[in-house]
Amino acid sequence: MDKENLLILLIEDKPDHTELVIRAFQDHRVPNRIVHLPDGGAALDYLFRRGESADPDTCPGPHLILLDLRLPKIDGLEVLREIKESGDLRRIPVVVLTTSEAQADMGAAYSRYVNSYLVKPVDFDEFGQLMNDLGLYWLGWNRKPGCDPAGAGV
């Protein structure tokens, strides 16, 4: 799959933060498609192909998951736990992108096998640079063993 077809699943409940992520990726020309989901329940339905998200053609598996911690319905730590306990999903890199600098939150995320924990900068330029660096690393430089993002193995 070429870099233009990489899919990022953004799980974020705040519209202004969602807009910042999308705009920062566009401004830094990080090639991708972003699927945004506003809560943990919708995210798990999408990832586990339940309900309206059952069709893999309309709801393809992501190559990277950006996950906020404070989410409605099901919080980000529970979403992370379910992803990392699933044999079909655990290979997908999950990056927590949050405003929380609390050591307890960081520890809880890493104990659930998060791949990276990033704190959202307040400054827009810094935020844009963070998104650029994140995109370059996870979607450009990082290599994984051959696997279909939906977990089917290639």
Protein backbone atom coordinates (compact mmCIF):
# COMPACT_ATOMS: atom_id res chain seq x y z
CA MET A 1 0.00 0.00 0.00
CA ASP A 2 1.44 3.39 -0.93
CA LYS A 3 1.73 6.18 1.59
CA GLU A 4 -1.22 8.05 0.04
CA ASN A 5 -3.54 5.24 1.17
CA LEU A 6 -2.47 5.02 4.79
CA LEU A 7 -5.37 5.26 7.20
CA ILE A 8 -5.23 7.00 10.56
CA LEU A 9 -8.04 6.36 13.05
CA LEU A 10 -8.44 9.48 15.21
CA ILE A 11 -10.44 8.83 18.37
CA GLU A 12 -11.09 12.27 19.84
CA ASP A 13 -14.20 13.82 21.38
CA LYS A 14 -13.26 17.51 21.23
CA PRO A 15 -14.06 19.08 17.83
CA ASP A 16 -11.36 21.75 18.20
CA HIS A 17 -8.67 19.13 18.91
CA THR A 18 -9.92 17.05 15.98
CA GLU A 19 -9.65 20.07 13.69
CA LEU A 20 -6.12 20.81 14.95
CA VAL A 21 -4.95 17.27 14.20
CA ILE A 22 -6.48 17.24 10.73
CA ARG A 23 -5.20 20.73 9.88
CA ALA A 24 -1.71 19.99 11.20
CA PHE A 25 -1.43 16.85 9.06
CA GLN A 26 -2.66 18.78 6.01
CA ASP A 27 -0.34 21.73 6.64
CA HIS A 28 2.65 19.40 6.91
CA ARG A 29 1.52 17.33 3.93
CA VAL A 30 1.51 14.08 5.87
CA PRO A 31 -0.07 11.70 3.33
CA ASN A 32 -3.01 9.89 4.84
CA ARG A 33 -6.70 9.43 5.16
CA ILE A 34 -8.19 10.21 8.55
CA VAL A 35 -11.27 8.53 9.98
CA HIS A 36 -12.53 10.43 13.02
CA LEU A 37 -14.62 8.82 15.76
CA PRO A 38 -15.88 10.88 18.72
CA ASP A 39 -16.12 8.26 21.47
CA GLY A 40 -14.71 4.96 22.70
CA GLY A 41 -17.83 2.96 21.90
CA ALA A 42 -17.83 4.02 18.25
CA ALA A 43 -14.10 3.29 18.08
CA LEU A 44 -14.48 -0.26 19.36
CA ASP A 45 -17.44 -0.88 17.01
CA TYR A 46 -15.28 0.32 14.09
CA LEU A 47 -12.22 -1.71 15.08
CA PHE A 48 -14.14 -4.90 15.85
CA ARG A 49 -16.43 -4.44 12.81
CA ARG A 50 -19.72 -4.30 14.70
CA GLY A 51 -23.01 -2.75 13.63
CA GLU A 52 -22.67 -0.02 10.98
CA SER A 53 -18.90 -0.64 10.86
CA ALA A 54 -19.15 -4.31 9.85
CA ASP A 55 -18.19 -3.82 6.18
CA PRO A 56 -14.38 -3.77 5.72
CA ASP A 57 -14.81 -2.01 2.35
CA THR A 58 -16.44 1.03 3.93
CA CYS A 59 -14.62 0.76 7.28
CA PRO A 60 -11.07 -0.38 6.47
CA GLY A 61 -8.58 -1.23 9.19
CA PRO A 62 -6.27 1.60 10.28
CA HIS A 63 -2.49 1.70 9.98
CA LEU A 64 -2.21 3.99 13.02
CA ILE A 65 -4.55 4.86 15.88
CA LEU A 66 -4.44 8.25 17.62
CA LEU A 67 -6.29 7.88 20.89
CA ASP A 68 -7.41 10.49 23.40
CA LEU A 69 -7.73 9.27 27.00
CA ARG A 70 -10.81 11.18 28.17
CA LEU A 71 -13.59 9.90 25.94
CA PRO A 72 -17.34 9.56 26.37
CA LYS A 73 -19.04 6.15 26.56
CA ILE A 74 -15.82 4.10 26.92
CA ASP A 75 -12.62 5.80 28.05
CA GLY A 76 -9.37 5.67 26.11
CA LEU A 77 -7.61 3.31 28.52
CA GLU A 78 -10.37 0.72 28.09
CA VAL A 79 -10.23 1.15 24.30
CA LEU A 80 -6.47 0.64 24.46
CA ARG A 81 -6.84 -2.47 26.63
CA GLU A 82 -9.31 -4.05 24.20
CA ILE A 83 -7.12 -3.27 21.19
CA LYS A 84 -4.01 -4.75 22.75
CA GLU A 85 -5.85 -7.86 23.96
CA SER A 86 -7.10 -8.61 20.45
CA GLY A 87 -4.91 -10.86 18.36
CA ASP A 88 -6.33 -9.18 15.24
CA LEU A 89 -5.64 -5.60 16.37
CA ARG A 90 -2.64 -5.59 18.70
CA ARG A 91 -0.12 -5.00 15.88
CA ILE A 92 -1.67 -1.66 14.95
CA PRO A 93 0.40 1.12 16.56
CA VAL A 94 -1.58 3.09 19.11
CA VAL A 95 -0.41 6.58 20.05
CA VAL A 96 -2.10 8.27 22.98
CA LEU A 97 -2.55 11.94 22.11
CA THR A 98 -3.83 13.73 25.20
CA THR A 99 -3.60 16.84 27.33
CA SER A 100 -2.82 14.77 30.43
CA GLU A 101 0.73 14.87 31.77
CA ALA A 102 -0.27 12.83 34.84
CA GLN A 103 2.18 10.06 35.66
CA ALA A 104 -0.74 7.79 36.57
CA ASP A 105 -2.21 8.18 33.08
CA MET A 106 1.15 7.54 31.41
CA GLY A 107 1.77 4.50 33.59
CA ALA A 108 -1.70 3.11 32.91
CA ALA A 109 -1.28 3.59 29.15
CA TYR A 110 2.11 1.89 29.05
CA SER A 111 0.88 -0.95 31.26
CA ARG A 112 -1.72 -1.54 28.53
CA TYR A 113 1.04 -1.63 25.87
CA VAL A 114 0.56 1.76 24.22
CA ASN A 115 3.19 2.34 21.52
CA SER A 116 3.70 6.01 22.35
CA TYR A 117 2.31 8.66 24.71
CA LEU A 118 2.23 12.25 23.48
CA VAL A 119 1.01 15.34 25.30
CA LYS A 120 -0.70 17.90 23.07
CA PRO A 121 1.23 21.18 23.05
CA VAL A 122 -0.82 24.33 23.63
CA ASP A 123 1.04 26.30 20.93
CA PHE A 124 -0.36 25.65 17.41
CA ASP A 125 3.06 25.71 15.72
CA GLU A 126 4.44 23.19 18.22
CA PHE A 127 1.33 21.07 17.75
CA GLY A 128 1.83 21.15 13.98
CA GLN A 129 5.46 20.11 14.35
CA LEU A 130 4.44 17.26 16.65
CA MET A 131 1.92 16.01 14.07
CA ASN A 132 4.53 16.29 11.31
CA ASP A 133 7.09 14.33 13.35
CA LEU A 134 4.47 11.76 14.36
CA GLY A 135 3.41 11.26 10.75
CA LEU A 136 6.97 10.96 9.50
CA TYR A 137 7.89 8.42 12.15
CA TRP A 138 4.83 6.16 12.30
CA LEU A 139 3.77 6.42 8.65
CA GLY A 140 7.14 6.95 7.00
CA TRP A 141 10.15 5.65 8.90
CA ASN A 142 8.63 2.94 11.08
CA ARG A 143 8.54 -0.58 9.62
CA LYS A 144 6.39 -3.47 10.78
CA PRO A 145 6.33 -7.10 9.76
CA GLY A 146 4.00 -7.70 6.84
CA CYS A 147 0.47 -7.57 8.10
CA ASP A 148 -2.88 -6.39 6.90
CA PRO A 149 -4.07 -3.60 9.23
CA ALA A 150 -7.28 -5.54 9.71
CA GLY A 151 -5.16 -8.33 11.19
CA ALA A 152 -5.40 -10.88 8.39
CA GLY A 153 -1.62 -11.19 7.90
CA VAL A 154 0.00 -10.88 4.48
